[in-house]
Amino acid sequence: MKKEIFKILIVFLILSFLGFLTFPKLSVRLNPSESLPSISVSYSWANSSPYALEREVTNILEGGLGI
């Protein structure tokens, strides 16, 4: 009975040790990168207030883009 437990313990320790040795060698491909879609819009309107820009341009652009 004690020999069986000792054998199981030795096998477990060997497999654990091998797992720890190979873990750093895992490829980065196993963790895929995520790229989220993005858009950048810039506009200018000379001699206008920030409120007018938001009301006349920003709100319309956000509504059209679904933001």
Protein backbone atom coordinates (compact mmCIF):
# COMPACT_ATOMS: atom_id res chain seq x y z
CA MET A 1 0.00 0.00 0.00
CA LYS A 2 2.77 2.44 0.92
CA LYS A 3 4.73 1.56 -2.24
CA GLU A 4 1.71 2.39 -4.43
CA ILE A 5 1.23 5.78 -2.78
CA PHE A 6 4.96 6.48 -3.11
CA LYS A 7 4.89 5.58 -6.85
CA ILE A 8 1.88 7.81 -7.45
CA LEU A 9 3.56 10.67 -5.58
CA ILE A 10 6.78 10.30 -7.60
CA VAL A 11 4.87 10.25 -10.92
CA PHE A 12 2.90 13.32 -9.86
CA LEU A 13 6.06 15.20 -8.87
CA ILE A 14 7.82 14.31 -12.13
CA LEU A 15 4.85 15.41 -14.24
CA SER A 16 4.51 18.63 -12.24
CA PHE A 17 8.21 19.38 -12.69
CA LEU A 18 7.99 18.78 -16.44
CA GLY A 19 4.93 21.01 -16.61
CA PHE A 20 6.76 23.84 -14.86
CA LEU A 21 9.71 23.45 -17.25
CA THR A 22 7.56 23.62 -20.39
CA PHE A 23 5.16 26.36 -19.28
CA PRO A 24 7.44 29.30 -20.26
CA LYS A 25 7.87 27.78 -23.73
CA LEU A 26 4.19 28.14 -24.59
CA SER A 27 3.70 30.12 -27.75
CA VAL A 28 2.13 33.56 -27.81
CA ARG A 29 -0.24 32.26 -30.49
CA LEU A 30 -2.29 30.66 -27.72
CA ASN A 31 -3.25 34.17 -26.56
CA PRO A 32 -4.66 35.91 -29.65
CA SER A 33 -4.49 39.66 -29.80
CA GLU A 34 -7.67 41.65 -30.03
CA SER A 35 -7.98 44.71 -32.19
CA LEU A 36 -11.10 46.76 -31.74
CA PRO A 37 -12.42 48.81 -34.64
CA SER A 38 -11.93 52.55 -34.26
CA ILE A 39 -12.60 55.70 -36.20
CA SER A 40 -11.20 59.20 -35.88
CA VAL A 41 -13.05 62.27 -37.12
CA SER A 42 -11.77 65.82 -36.91
CA TYR A 43 -13.51 69.01 -37.94
CA SER A 44 -13.21 72.70 -37.38
CA TRP A 45 -15.65 75.55 -37.65
CA ALA A 46 -14.19 79.04 -37.44
CA ASN A 47 -15.68 81.52 -34.96
CA SER A 48 -18.18 79.14 -33.39
CA SER A 49 -18.88 78.30 -29.78
CA PRO A 50 -18.31 74.82 -28.33
CA TYR A 51 -22.05 74.50 -27.78
CA ALA A 52 -22.78 75.25 -31.44
CA LEU A 53 -20.16 72.71 -32.56
CA GLU A 54 -21.67 70.05 -30.32
CA ARG A 55 -25.22 70.80 -31.39
CA GLU A 56 -24.62 71.25 -35.12
CA VAL A 57 -21.80 68.80 -35.83
CA THR A 58 -20.93 66.39 -33.01
CA ASN A 59 -24.47 65.21 -32.27
CA ILE A 60 -25.18 64.68 -35.97
CA LEU A 61 -21.94 62.73 -36.50
CA GLU A 62 -22.48 60.59 -33.41
CA GLY A 63 -26.05 59.84 -34.48
CA GLY A 64 -24.94 58.89 -37.97
CA LEU A 65 -22.12 56.67 -36.72
CA GLY A 66 -24.30 55.01 -34.09
CA ILE A 67 -22.21 56.12 -31.12
